[in-house]
């Protein structure tokens, strides 16, 4: 194990922000605009905790993930912005703990990883490895041509972390890895889906994105790029947006990749060789705006659960908006999806970047839930519901 860092109380460190990209931040509030209190849909059996609202010196908290520790506590690590609320504002990784299955959380932020990048650290994935170690992945962002995932390990239940190992070393570029996106296959392979948007030799950034995966068969020490690089197109040959991909392993050992797009739905691609090659992306049944989805397998039932902005029957005035916040099941590994159930339906809500975890018979969702008129990504909510709620 390399040199370790210890969790310590955190201090704010104001910095600056570049213009927001990829539609990831909310719009600024006009000085004379009056915004009513946040609205949240009340549902029997569903707990909601607006855990991380913005405050002075901390304009945004977002893109986190959960890990259950061996003592039963849950750690939620998130991106704490201390500069601007934009994607390039100063930010580091902070954490909160729950001792009651995710219903209540500690009041103070603990410093997990201080800001290392010239711009920030953000977008957390936490993973309990087959070895028993906890892996922490996040983006180290230095510039518009250098943003790449890093990996750290903890052997003492997230008290300390190893030095970072870069996951993309074959080239420098602006790679996006969303929160809660890295998985370990049954074979032990670690795999992450990423979208490339810029390199030093690009005449200008390609925000439509090139999608690929990186994988490691030696515990994260070395990573290999997939042979396939996805650049999906419309029937007329024009490029589709392909951003913020995610992965889930299917029962037959193949992989399903889901991709944020402007195709009117999430795009789906499949791999039958553990992520080295991928099929041409096609439209899915998850009708959505240009907003990311999250999909994971429920351990107790074996079904897939998807959380996304369901626009299958959306009102015209809400098209393109990241609302409502919906959840649905697939009992056939993503071929079909059941009727979605709406968790939030505020017309001004901004629901996205969802981490999913399963604690006993409960589902935890850690997601953005701000008001788009004053910063859609600035507030993180923890939503807790029983697995049985999905099986009425």
Foldseek 3Di string as FASTA:
>chain_A
DADKDFKDADDFDADEFDDAPPPPKFDAFDPPDDDDDDDFDDDPQKAKDLQFFADQQFQAKFQWAWDQFPVGKIKIKIWTFRYDQGPQGETAIWIWIDNPQPRDIDNGIIGQGHADECRGKGHWAWDQAPVRKIKIKIWRDHDQFAIFIWIWIDPPRSRIIHDIATADDPFTGHKDFHHRAWDAAPLRKIKTKIWTFGHPPDPDTRQLTKIWMWIDDPNRNYIDTAPDIAFAADPVRHTWRWHHKHWEQAPVRKIWIWTQTQPQATWIWIGPPNGRDIDHTDHAPQGAHRADKDWYADVVPRKIKIWFARVPPPDPVQHNARDDIWMWIDPRRRNDIDDIDTRGGDSQWHWHSWYWDQDPQKIWIWTFTDGSSHMRRRIIMIMMGGNCVNVD
